[in-house]
Amino acid sequence: MTESTPASMHFHVVSGGARLFKSLPDGRRQIIGFAHKGDVLPAYPCNHYGYSAEAMRTLRVVCMPAPYLRHLHETSPDACAASLHTARQLLIGLHNRLLMLGRQTARERLAAFLIGQGTRMGQNELWPVDPAISRTDIADFLGLTTETVSRLLSTFHREKLISRQRRAIHILDLDRLRAIVAHSE
């Protein structure tokens, strides 16, 4: 899926993960999100993809033609409701991202990111942060430098908020991470 190309398919991530990004004219890119198992990458109504997706590791997706999904929405209230729920969640995520970029400190941004990644499958079960997401990707997504992310991860590790095993990051103290984020709200 490449930004500005015709949006003919919706993609449902079955396994693996992808980084989502927008390209700048000078060749730089801005990570705008990450897709994991269960996520849907929609075709936009403007008929062109609004961003690019790039596999971070082996990625399996189910492709659904855009006209089929439109037909499904017209004939299935449940499918339409599920799509509206997904759209609402994306909008809430965008509002939170605007707050993060505009008002949060680097420490608060990283704590919020770790919480979002660690609880992406539900609020009560913690998952490791996807080891395929590099520190550079995290920094790009949060509007920070790679050095700042690395330094803060080391600080969080020393404070026993997280543990690190190879490239995976495990949350040890979700309540304290939430307290860091709550400080900014």
N, C-alpha and C. Protein backbone atom coordinates (compact mmCIF):
# COMPACT_ATOMS: atom_id res chain seq x y z
N MET A 1 0.86 -1.16 0.00
CA MET A 1 0.00 0.00 0.00
C MET A 1 0.91 1.22 0.00
N THR A 2 0.77 2.05 -1.00
CA THR A 2 1.64 3.20 -1.17
C THR A 2 0.82 4.48 -1.26
N GLU A 3 1.27 5.48 -0.51
CA GLU A 3 0.60 6.78 -0.48
C GLU A 3 0.36 7.31 -1.89
N SER A 4 -0.80 7.87 -2.11
CA SER A 4 -1.22 8.52 -3.36
C SER A 4 -1.53 7.57 -4.50
N THR A 5 -1.40 6.25 -4.29
CA THR A 5 -1.79 5.31 -5.34
C THR A 5 -3.29 5.03 -5.20
N PRO A 6 -3.94 4.58 -6.28
CA PRO A 6 -5.38 4.31 -6.20
C PRO A 6 -5.71 3.32 -5.08
N ALA A 7 -6.70 3.67 -4.29
CA ALA A 7 -7.10 2.86 -3.13
C ALA A 7 -8.19 1.89 -3.55
N SER A 8 -7.78 0.72 -3.97
CA SER A 8 -8.75 -0.26 -4.46
C SER A 8 -9.05 -1.35 -3.44
N MET A 9 -8.23 -1.48 -2.41
CA MET A 9 -8.37 -2.56 -1.43
C MET A 9 -8.33 -2.04 0.00
N HIS A 10 -9.04 -2.73 0.88
CA HIS A 10 -8.89 -2.59 2.32
C HIS A 10 -8.02 -3.77 2.74
N PHE A 11 -7.20 -3.59 3.75
CA PHE A 11 -6.32 -4.66 4.21
C PHE A 11 -6.61 -4.95 5.68
N HIS A 12 -6.80 -6.21 6.00
CA HIS A 12 -7.00 -6.65 7.38
C HIS A 12 -5.75 -7.43 7.77
N VAL A 13 -5.05 -6.97 8.81
CA VAL A 13 -3.80 -7.61 9.23
C VAL A 13 -4.13 -8.90 9.98
N VAL A 14 -3.64 -10.01 9.44
CA VAL A 14 -3.87 -11.33 10.03
C VAL A 14 -2.72 -11.68 10.97
N SER A 15 -1.50 -11.35 10.57
CA SER A 15 -0.34 -11.59 11.44
C SER A 15 0.78 -10.65 11.00
N GLY A 16 1.72 -10.46 11.90
CA GLY A 16 2.84 -9.56 11.61
C GLY A 16 2.52 -8.13 11.99
N GLY A 17 3.30 -7.22 11.46
CA GLY A 17 3.11 -5.81 11.78
C GLY A 17 3.65 -4.92 10.68
N ALA A 18 3.13 -3.71 10.62
CA ALA A 18 3.55 -2.75 9.60
C ALA A 18 3.69 -1.37 10.22
N ARG A 19 4.63 -0.61 9.68
CA ARG A 19 4.72 0.81 10.05
C ARG A 19 3.96 1.59 9.00
N LEU A 20 3.23 2.60 9.44
CA LEU A 20 2.45 3.44 8.55
C LEU A 20 3.12 4.80 8.51
N PHE A 21 3.31 5.35 7.31
CA PHE A 21 4.04 6.61 7.22
C PHE A 21 3.58 7.45 6.05
N LYS A 22 3.87 8.74 6.17
CA LYS A 22 3.66 9.70 5.08
C LYS A 22 5.03 10.16 4.62
N SER A 23 5.20 10.30 3.33
CA SER A 23 6.47 10.74 2.76
C SER A 23 6.48 12.23 2.53
N LEU A 24 7.63 12.84 2.74
CA LEU A 24 7.81 14.26 2.47
C LEU A 24 8.55 14.42 1.15
N PRO A 25 8.40 15.56 0.47
CA PRO A 25 9.03 15.75 -0.83
C PRO A 25 10.55 15.59 -0.81
N ASP A 26 11.19 15.88 0.33
CA ASP A 26 12.65 15.80 0.39
C ASP A 26 13.16 14.39 0.71
N GLY A 27 12.24 13.40 0.74
CA GLY A 27 12.65 12.02 0.98
C GLY A 27 12.48 11.56 2.43
N ARG A 28 12.31 12.51 3.34
CA ARG A 28 12.08 12.10 4.73
C ARG A 28 10.68 11.51 4.85
N ARG A 29 10.45 10.83 5.96
CA ARG A 29 9.12 10.29 6.20
C ARG A 29 8.75 10.47 7.66
N GLN A 30 7.45 10.51 7.90
CA GLN A 30 6.92 10.64 9.26
C GLN A 30 6.10 9.39 9.56
N ILE A 31 6.50 8.66 10.58
CA ILE A 31 5.72 7.51 11.01
C ILE A 31 4.43 8.04 11.64
N ILE A 32 3.30 7.58 11.15
CA ILE A 32 2.02 8.05 11.69
C ILE A 32 1.31 6.97 12.51
N GLY A 33 1.84 5.76 12.49
CA GLY A 33 1.23 4.71 13.29
C GLY A 33 1.83 3.35 12.98
N PHE A 34 1.27 2.35 13.64
CA PHE A 34 1.71 0.98 13.47
C PHE A 34 0.46 0.11 13.37
N ALA A 35 0.51 -0.91 12.54
CA ALA A 35 -0.61 -1.83 12.39
C ALA A 35 -0.18 -3.21 12.87
N HIS A 36 -1.06 -3.85 13.62
CA HIS A 36 -0.79 -5.16 14.19
C HIS A 36 -1.95 -6.10 13.86
N LYS A 37 -1.81 -7.34 14.27
CA LYS A 37 -2.86 -8.35 14.06
C LYS A 37 -4.21 -7.79 14.49
N GLY A 38 -5.19 -7.91 13.60
CA GLY A 38 -6.55 -7.44 13.89
C GLY A 38 -6.85 -6.05 13.38
N ASP A 39 -5.83 -5.28 13.04
CA ASP A 39 -6.05 -3.92 12.54
C ASP A 39 -6.49 -3.94 11.08
N VAL A 40 -7.24 -2.92 10.71
CA VAL A 40 -7.69 -2.76 9.33
C VAL A 40 -7.06 -1.50 8.76
N LEU A 41 -6.50 -1.61 7.57
CA LEU A 41 -5.95 -0.47 6.84
C LEU A 41 -6.94 -0.16 5.73
N PRO A 42 -7.72 0.90 5.92
CA PRO A 42 -8.81 1.14 4.98
C PRO A 42 -8.38 1.90 3.73
N ALA A 43 -9.15 1.68 2.67
CA ALA A 43 -9.05 2.52 1.48
C ALA A 43 -9.86 3.77 1.79
N TYR A 44 -9.32 4.91 1.51
CA TYR A 44 -10.02 6.16 1.82
C TYR A 44 -11.09 6.46 0.78
N PRO A 45 -12.12 7.21 1.17
CA PRO A 45 -13.16 7.55 0.21
C PRO A 45 -12.67 8.44 -0.92
N CYS A 46 -11.50 9.07 -0.76
CA CYS A 46 -10.99 9.95 -1.81
C CYS A 46 -10.32 9.17 -2.94
N ASN A 47 -10.40 7.85 -2.88
CA ASN A 47 -9.91 6.96 -3.94
C ASN A 47 -8.40 6.81 -4.02
N HIS A 48 -7.64 7.42 -3.11
CA HIS A 48 -6.19 7.23 -3.07
C HIS A 48 -5.77 6.98 -1.62
N TYR A 49 -4.75 6.15 -1.44
CA TYR A 49 -4.26 5.89 -0.09
C TYR A 49 -3.64 7.16 0.47
N GLY A 50 -3.94 7.44 1.73
CA GLY A 50 -3.44 8.65 2.38
C GLY A 50 -2.09 8.47 3.03
N TYR A 51 -1.57 7.25 3.04
CA TYR A 51 -0.28 6.95 3.66
C TYR A 51 0.24 5.65 3.07
N SER A 52 1.49 5.35 3.37
CA SER A 52 2.10 4.09 2.93
C SER A 52 2.19 3.13 4.11
N ALA A 53 2.21 1.85 3.82
CA ALA A 53 2.41 0.82 4.84
C ALA A 53 3.59 -0.03 4.41
N GLU A 54 4.44 -0.35 5.38
CA GLU A 54 5.65 -1.13 5.10
C GLU A 54 5.77 -2.21 6.17
N ALA A 55 5.93 -3.46 5.75
CA ALA A 55 6.05 -4.55 6.71
C ALA A 55 7.30 -4.37 7.57
N MET A 56 7.14 -4.62 8.88
CA MET A 56 8.28 -4.59 9.80
C MET A 56 8.89 -5.98 9.92
N ARG A 57 8.12 -6.99 9.58
CA ARG A 57 8.53 -8.39 9.55
C ARG A 57 7.52 -9.10 8.66
N THR A 58 7.53 -10.40 8.60
CA THR A 58 6.58 -11.11 7.75
C THR A 58 5.16 -10.65 8.09
N LEU A 59 4.46 -10.22 7.07
CA LEU A 59 3.13 -9.63 7.24
C LEU A 59 2.14 -10.41 6.39
N ARG A 60 1.05 -10.84 7.01
CA ARG A 60 -0.04 -11.50 6.28
C ARG A 60 -1.28 -10.63 6.40
N VAL A 61 -1.89 -10.34 5.28
CA VAL A 61 -3.11 -9.53 5.26
C VAL A 61 -4.17 -10.22 4.41
N VAL A 62 -5.41 -9.93 4.72
CA VAL A 62 -6.53 -10.31 3.86
C VAL A 62 -6.92 -9.05 3.11
N CYS A 63 -6.96 -9.15 1.80
CA CYS A 63 -7.32 -8.00 0.96
C CYS A 63 -8.81 -8.08 0.63
N MET A 64 -9.47 -6.95 0.79
CA MET A 64 -10.90 -6.87 0.50
C MET A 64 -11.13 -5.73 -0.48
N PRO A 65 -11.65 -6.02 -1.67
CA PRO A 65 -11.90 -4.94 -2.63
C PRO A 65 -12.83 -3.88 -2.04
N ALA A 66 -12.50 -2.63 -2.27
CA ALA A 66 -13.29 -1.51 -1.73
C ALA A 66 -14.77 -1.60 -2.12
N PRO A 67 -15.11 -1.95 -3.38
CA PRO A 67 -16.54 -2.05 -3.72
C PRO A 67 -17.27 -3.12 -2.90
N TYR A 68 -16.57 -4.21 -2.57
CA TYR A 68 -17.20 -5.26 -1.77
C TYR A 68 -17.52 -4.73 -0.37
N LEU A 69 -16.60 -3.98 0.22
CA LEU A 69 -16.85 -3.44 1.55
C LEU A 69 -18.02 -2.45 1.52
N ARG A 70 -18.09 -1.63 0.47
CA ARG A 70 -19.23 -0.72 0.34
C ARG A 70 -20.54 -1.51 0.29
N HIS A 71 -20.55 -2.59 -0.49
CA HIS A 71 -21.73 -3.45 -0.58
C HIS A 71 -22.06 -4.05 0.79
N LEU A 72 -21.04 -4.50 1.50
CA LEU A 72 -21.23 -5.08 2.82
C LEU A 72 -21.85 -4.07 3.78
N HIS A 73 -21.39 -2.82 3.71
CA HIS A 73 -21.96 -1.77 4.56
C HIS A 73 -23.44 -1.53 4.24
N GLU A 74 -23.78 -1.61 2.97
CA GLU A 74 -25.16 -1.38 2.56
C GLU A 74 -26.09 -2.51 2.96
N THR A 75 -25.55 -3.72 3.07
CA THR A 75 -26.40 -4.88 3.33
C THR A 75 -26.28 -5.44 4.74
N SER A 76 -25.27 -5.03 5.49
CA SER A 76 -25.07 -5.57 6.84
C SER A 76 -24.91 -4.45 7.86
N PRO A 77 -25.91 -4.24 8.69
CA PRO A 77 -25.79 -3.22 9.74
C PRO A 77 -24.62 -3.48 10.69
N ASP A 78 -24.32 -4.76 10.95
CA ASP A 78 -23.21 -5.09 11.85
C ASP A 78 -21.87 -4.65 11.26
N ALA A 79 -21.69 -4.90 9.96
CA ALA A 79 -20.44 -4.49 9.31
C ALA A 79 -20.31 -2.97 9.30
N CYS A 80 -21.41 -2.30 9.05
CA CYS A 80 -21.40 -0.83 9.05
C CYS A 80 -21.07 -0.31 10.45
N ALA A 81 -21.68 -0.90 11.48
CA ALA A 81 -21.42 -0.47 12.86
C ALA A 81 -19.96 -0.72 13.24
N ALA A 82 -19.40 -1.84 12.80
CA ALA A 82 -18.00 -2.14 13.11
C ALA A 82 -17.08 -1.12 12.44
N SER A 83 -17.38 -0.74 11.22
CA SER A 83 -16.56 0.26 10.52
C SER A 83 -16.67 1.63 11.20
N LEU A 84 -17.87 1.99 11.64
CA LEU A 84 -18.04 3.25 12.35
C LEU A 84 -17.27 3.25 13.67
N HIS A 85 -17.28 2.12 14.36
CA HIS A 85 -16.52 2.00 15.61
C HIS A 85 -15.02 2.19 15.33
N THR A 86 -14.53 1.55 14.27
CA THR A 86 -13.12 1.70 13.91
C THR A 86 -12.80 3.15 13.58
N ALA A 87 -13.67 3.81 12.84
CA ALA A 87 -13.45 5.22 12.49
C ALA A 87 -13.43 6.10 13.74
N ARG A 88 -14.32 5.83 14.68
CA ARG A 88 -14.33 6.59 15.94
C ARG A 88 -13.03 6.38 16.71
N GLN A 89 -12.56 5.14 16.76
CA GLN A 89 -11.31 4.84 17.48
C GLN A 89 -10.13 5.56 16.83
N LEU A 90 -10.12 5.60 15.50
CA LEU A 90 -9.05 6.32 14.80
C LEU A 90 -9.09 7.81 15.11
N LEU A 91 -10.28 8.37 15.15
CA LEU A 91 -10.43 9.79 15.47
C LEU A 91 -9.99 10.10 16.90
N ILE A 92 -10.36 9.25 17.84
CA ILE A 92 -9.91 9.42 19.22
C ILE A 92 -8.39 9.34 19.28
N GLY A 93 -7.82 8.38 18.56
CA GLY A 93 -6.36 8.26 18.51
C GLY A 93 -5.69 9.50 17.96
N LEU A 94 -6.28 10.09 16.93
CA LEU A 94 -5.72 11.33 16.36
C LEU A 94 -5.80 12.48 17.36
N HIS A 95 -6.89 12.58 18.08
CA HIS A 95 -7.01 13.63 19.10
C HIS A 95 -5.94 13.45 20.18
N ASN A 96 -5.74 12.22 20.62
CA ASN A 96 -4.71 11.95 21.63
C ASN A 96 -3.32 12.26 21.10
N ARG A 97 -3.10 11.95 19.83
CA ARG A 97 -1.78 12.23 19.22
C ARG A 97 -1.53 13.73 19.14
N LEU A 98 -2.55 14.51 18.80
CA LEU A 98 -2.40 15.97 18.78
C LEU A 98 -2.04 16.50 20.16
N LEU A 99 -2.71 15.99 21.18
CA LEU A 99 -2.38 16.38 22.56
C LEU A 99 -0.94 16.02 22.88
N MET A 100 -0.56 14.80 22.54
CA MET A 100 0.79 14.33 22.83
C MET A 100 1.84 15.24 22.19
N LEU A 101 1.68 15.50 20.91
CA LEU A 101 2.69 16.29 20.21
C LEU A 101 2.69 17.75 20.65
N GLY A 102 1.53 18.25 21.05
CA GLY A 102 1.45 19.66 21.42
C GLY A 102 1.77 19.97 22.86
N ARG A 103 1.52 19.04 23.77
CA ARG A 103 1.61 19.39 25.18
C ARG A 103 2.45 18.47 26.05
N GLN A 104 2.74 17.27 25.63
CA GLN A 104 3.44 16.34 26.50
C GLN A 104 4.95 16.46 26.40
N THR A 105 5.61 16.17 27.53
CA THR A 105 7.06 16.11 27.55
C THR A 105 7.50 14.81 26.88
N ALA A 106 8.79 14.68 26.62
CA ALA A 106 9.32 13.46 26.01
C ALA A 106 9.01 12.25 26.89
N ARG A 107 9.17 12.40 28.20
CA ARG A 107 8.90 11.30 29.14
C ARG A 107 7.42 10.89 29.06
N GLU A 108 6.53 11.85 29.02
CA GLU A 108 5.10 11.56 28.94
C GLU A 108 4.74 10.91 27.60
N ARG A 109 5.36 11.37 26.53
CA ARG A 109 5.09 10.78 25.21
C ARG A 109 5.48 9.31 25.17
N LEU A 110 6.69 9.02 25.67
CA LEU A 110 7.16 7.63 25.62
C LEU A 110 6.31 6.75 26.52
N ALA A 111 5.94 7.24 27.69
CA ALA A 111 5.07 6.45 28.59
C ALA A 111 3.74 6.16 27.89
N ALA A 112 3.14 7.16 27.25
CA ALA A 112 1.87 6.97 26.55
C ALA A 112 2.02 5.95 25.41
N PHE A 113 3.12 6.04 24.68
CA PHE A 113 3.37 5.10 23.59
C PHE A 113 3.47 3.67 24.12
N LEU A 114 4.24 3.48 25.19
CA LEU A 114 4.42 2.14 25.75
C LEU A 114 3.08 1.58 26.24
N ILE A 115 2.28 2.42 26.88
CA ILE A 115 0.96 1.98 27.34
C ILE A 115 0.10 1.57 26.15
N GLY A 116 0.08 2.40 25.11
CA GLY A 116 -0.73 2.10 23.93
C GLY A 116 -0.32 0.81 23.26
N GLN A 117 0.98 0.58 23.15
CA GLN A 117 1.45 -0.64 22.51
C GLN A 117 1.25 -1.85 23.42
N GLY A 118 1.48 -1.66 24.71
CA GLY A 118 1.38 -2.78 25.66
C GLY A 118 -0.04 -3.23 25.94
N THR A 119 -1.00 -2.34 25.74
CA THR A 119 -2.40 -2.68 26.03
C THR A 119 -3.25 -2.73 24.77
N ARG A 120 -2.62 -2.82 23.62
CA ARG A 120 -3.37 -2.72 22.36
C ARG A 120 -4.40 -3.83 22.19
N MET A 121 -4.24 -4.94 22.87
CA MET A 121 -5.20 -6.04 22.73
C MET A 121 -6.25 -6.03 23.84
N GLY A 122 -6.19 -5.04 24.72
CA GLY A 122 -7.16 -4.96 25.82
C GLY A 122 -6.51 -4.30 27.02
N GLN A 123 -7.32 -3.70 27.84
CA GLN A 123 -6.80 -2.92 28.96
C GLN A 123 -6.24 -3.77 30.09
N ASN A 124 -6.64 -5.03 30.21
CA ASN A 124 -6.26 -5.81 31.38
C ASN A 124 -5.11 -6.78 31.13
N GLU A 125 -4.71 -6.96 29.91
CA GLU A 125 -3.63 -7.88 29.61
C GLU A 125 -2.50 -7.12 28.93
N LEU A 126 -1.30 -7.28 29.49
CA LEU A 126 -0.14 -6.57 28.93
C LEU A 126 0.57 -7.44 27.91
N TRP A 127 0.95 -6.82 26.81
CA TRP A 127 1.71 -7.48 25.76
C TRP A 127 3.05 -6.78 25.65
N PRO A 128 4.09 -7.50 25.24
CA PRO A 128 5.35 -6.79 25.02
C PRO A 128 5.21 -5.83 23.84
N VAL A 129 5.94 -4.74 23.90
CA VAL A 129 5.98 -3.82 22.76
C VAL A 129 6.63 -4.58 21.62
N ASP A 130 6.05 -4.50 20.46
CA ASP A 130 6.51 -5.24 19.29
C ASP A 130 8.00 -5.02 19.07
N PRO A 131 8.81 -6.09 19.16
CA PRO A 131 10.26 -5.92 18.98
C PRO A 131 10.66 -5.46 17.58
N ALA A 132 9.74 -5.56 16.62
CA ALA A 132 10.06 -5.09 15.27
C ALA A 132 10.00 -3.57 15.16
N ILE A 133 9.43 -2.90 16.17
CA ILE A 133 9.39 -1.43 16.17
C ILE A 133 10.72 -0.94 16.71
N SER A 134 11.51 -0.33 15.86
CA SER A 134 12.84 0.13 16.27
C SER A 134 12.76 1.41 17.09
N ARG A 135 13.84 1.71 17.78
CA ARG A 135 13.91 2.97 18.54
C ARG A 135 13.77 4.16 17.59
N THR A 136 14.30 4.02 16.39
CA THR A 136 14.19 5.09 15.40
C THR A 136 12.73 5.30 15.00
N ASP A 137 11.99 4.19 14.80
CA ASP A 137 10.56 4.30 14.49
C ASP A 137 9.79 4.95 15.64
N ILE A 138 10.11 4.55 16.87
CA ILE A 138 9.44 5.14 18.04
C ILE A 138 9.72 6.63 18.09
N ALA A 139 10.99 7.00 17.89
CA ALA A 139 11.37 8.42 17.93
C ALA A 139 10.65 9.20 16.85
N ASP A 140 10.61 8.66 15.65
CA ASP A 140 9.94 9.33 14.54
C ASP A 140 8.45 9.51 14.85
N PHE A 141 7.82 8.48 15.38
CA PHE A 141 6.39 8.55 15.70
C PHE A 141 6.11 9.58 16.79
N LEU A 142 7.01 9.68 17.77
CA LEU A 142 6.79 10.58 18.91
C LEU A 142 7.33 11.99 18.70
N GLY A 143 8.00 12.23 17.58
CA GLY A 143 8.58 13.55 17.35
C GLY A 143 9.78 13.81 18.24
N LEU A 144 10.56 12.77 18.51
CA LEU A 144 11.75 12.87 19.36
C LEU A 144 12.96 12.37 18.60
N THR A 145 14.14 12.51 19.18
CA THR A 145 15.33 11.93 18.58
C THR A 145 15.50 10.50 19.08
N THR A 146 16.22 9.70 18.31
CA THR A 146 16.50 8.32 18.72
C THR A 146 17.26 8.31 20.04
N GLU A 147 18.18 9.26 20.22
CA GLU A 147 18.97 9.34 21.45
C GLU A 147 18.07 9.59 22.66
N THR A 148 17.08 10.47 22.51
CA THR A 148 16.15 10.75 23.61
C THR A 148 15.35 9.51 23.97
N VAL A 149 14.86 8.79 22.97
CA VAL A 149 14.11 7.56 23.23
C VAL A 149 14.99 6.54 23.93
N SER A 150 16.22 6.35 23.46
CA SER A 150 17.12 5.39 24.09
C SER A 150 17.42 5.77 25.53
N ARG A 151 17.67 7.05 25.77
CA ARG A 151 17.97 7.53 27.13
C ARG A 151 16.77 7.30 28.05
N LEU A 152 15.57 7.63 27.56
CA LEU A 152 14.37 7.45 28.39
C LEU A 152 14.06 5.97 28.64
N LEU A 153 14.29 5.12 27.65
CA LEU A 153 14.09 3.69 27.87
C LEU A 153 15.04 3.18 28.95
N SER A 154 16.28 3.66 28.93
CA SER A 154 17.24 3.29 29.99
C SER A 154 16.77 3.78 31.35
N THR A 155 16.25 5.01 31.39
CA THR A 155 15.72 5.57 32.64
C THR A 155 14.54 4.75 33.13
N PHE A 156 13.60 4.44 32.24
CA PHE A 156 12.43 3.64 32.63
C PHE A 156 12.87 2.26 33.14
N HIS A 157 13.92 1.70 32.53
CA HIS A 157 14.44 0.40 32.96
C HIS A 157 15.03 0.51 34.36
N ARG A 158 15.82 1.55 34.60
CA ARG A 158 16.41 1.76 35.93
C ARG A 158 15.32 1.98 36.99
N GLU A 159 14.25 2.65 36.60
CA GLU A 159 13.14 2.92 37.52
C GLU A 159 12.20 1.72 37.65
N LYS A 160 12.54 0.62 37.00
CA LYS A 160 11.77 -0.62 37.03
C LYS A 160 10.33 -0.45 36.52
N LEU A 161 10.17 0.44 35.56
CA LEU A 161 8.88 0.60 34.88
C LEU A 161 8.75 -0.41 33.75
N ILE A 162 9.88 -0.76 33.15
CA ILE A 162 9.92 -1.71 32.03
C ILE A 162 11.09 -2.66 32.23
N SER A 163 11.05 -3.77 31.51
CA SER A 163 12.22 -4.64 31.38
C SER A 163 12.50 -4.75 29.89
N ARG A 164 13.74 -5.04 29.58
CA ARG A 164 14.11 -5.20 28.17
C ARG A 164 14.79 -6.55 28.01
N GLN A 165 14.31 -7.31 27.04
CA GLN A 165 14.90 -8.60 26.71
C GLN A 165 15.11 -8.60 25.21
N ARG A 166 16.36 -8.56 24.82
CA ARG A 166 16.72 -8.36 23.42
C ARG A 166 16.08 -7.07 22.95
N ARG A 167 15.23 -7.13 21.93
CA ARG A 167 14.59 -5.89 21.45
C ARG A 167 13.20 -5.69 22.03
N ALA A 168 12.67 -6.71 22.71
CA ALA A 168 11.32 -6.60 23.27
C ALA A 168 11.34 -5.76 24.55
N ILE A 169 10.30 -4.96 24.72
CA ILE A 169 10.12 -4.14 25.91
C ILE A 169 8.87 -4.64 26.61
N HIS A 170 9.01 -5.00 27.90
CA HIS A 170 7.88 -5.48 28.70
C HIS A 170 7.55 -4.44 29.76
N ILE A 171 6.28 -4.14 29.91
CA ILE A 171 5.85 -3.20 30.94
C ILE A 171 5.80 -3.93 32.28
N LEU A 172 6.46 -3.36 33.28
CA LEU A 172 6.46 -3.93 34.62
C LEU A 172 5.51 -3.20 35.56
N ASP A 173 5.36 -1.90 35.36
CA ASP A 173 4.53 -1.10 36.28
C ASP A 173 3.62 -0.18 35.48
N LEU A 174 2.49 -0.73 35.06
CA LEU A 174 1.54 0.01 34.24
C LEU A 174 0.97 1.21 34.99
N ASP A 175 0.70 1.05 36.28
CA ASP A 175 0.12 2.15 37.06
C ASP A 175 1.06 3.35 37.11
N ARG A 176 2.34 3.11 37.29
CA ARG A 176 3.29 4.24 37.34
C ARG A 176 3.44 4.90 35.97
N LEU A 177 3.41 4.10 34.89
CA LEU A 177 3.45 4.69 33.55
C LEU A 177 2.20 5.55 33.33
N ARG A 178 1.05 5.05 33.76
CA ARG A 178 -0.19 5.83 33.62
C ARG A 178 -0.12 7.12 34.43
N ALA A 179 0.53 7.07 35.59
CA ALA A 179 0.68 8.28 36.41
C ALA A 179 1.55 9.31 35.70
N ILE A 180 2.56 8.86 34.98
CA ILE A 180 3.41 9.79 34.20
C ILE A 180 2.56 10.49 33.15
N VAL A 181 1.74 9.73 32.44
CA VAL A 181 0.89 10.30 31.39
C VAL A 181 -0.18 11.20 31.99
N ALA A 182 -0.76 10.79 33.11
CA ALA A 182 -1.83 11.58 33.75
C ALA A 182 -1.32 12.94 34.19
N HIS A 183 -0.04 13.03 34.45
CA HIS A 183 0.56 14.31 34.87
C HIS A 183 0.37 15.38 33.80
N SER A 184 0.26 14.95 32.52
CA SER A 184 0.15 15.91 31.42
C SER A 184 -1.29 16.29 31.10
N GLU A 185 -2.25 15.54 31.63
CA GLU A 185 -3.65 15.79 31.25
C GLU A 185 -4.29 16.86 32.10
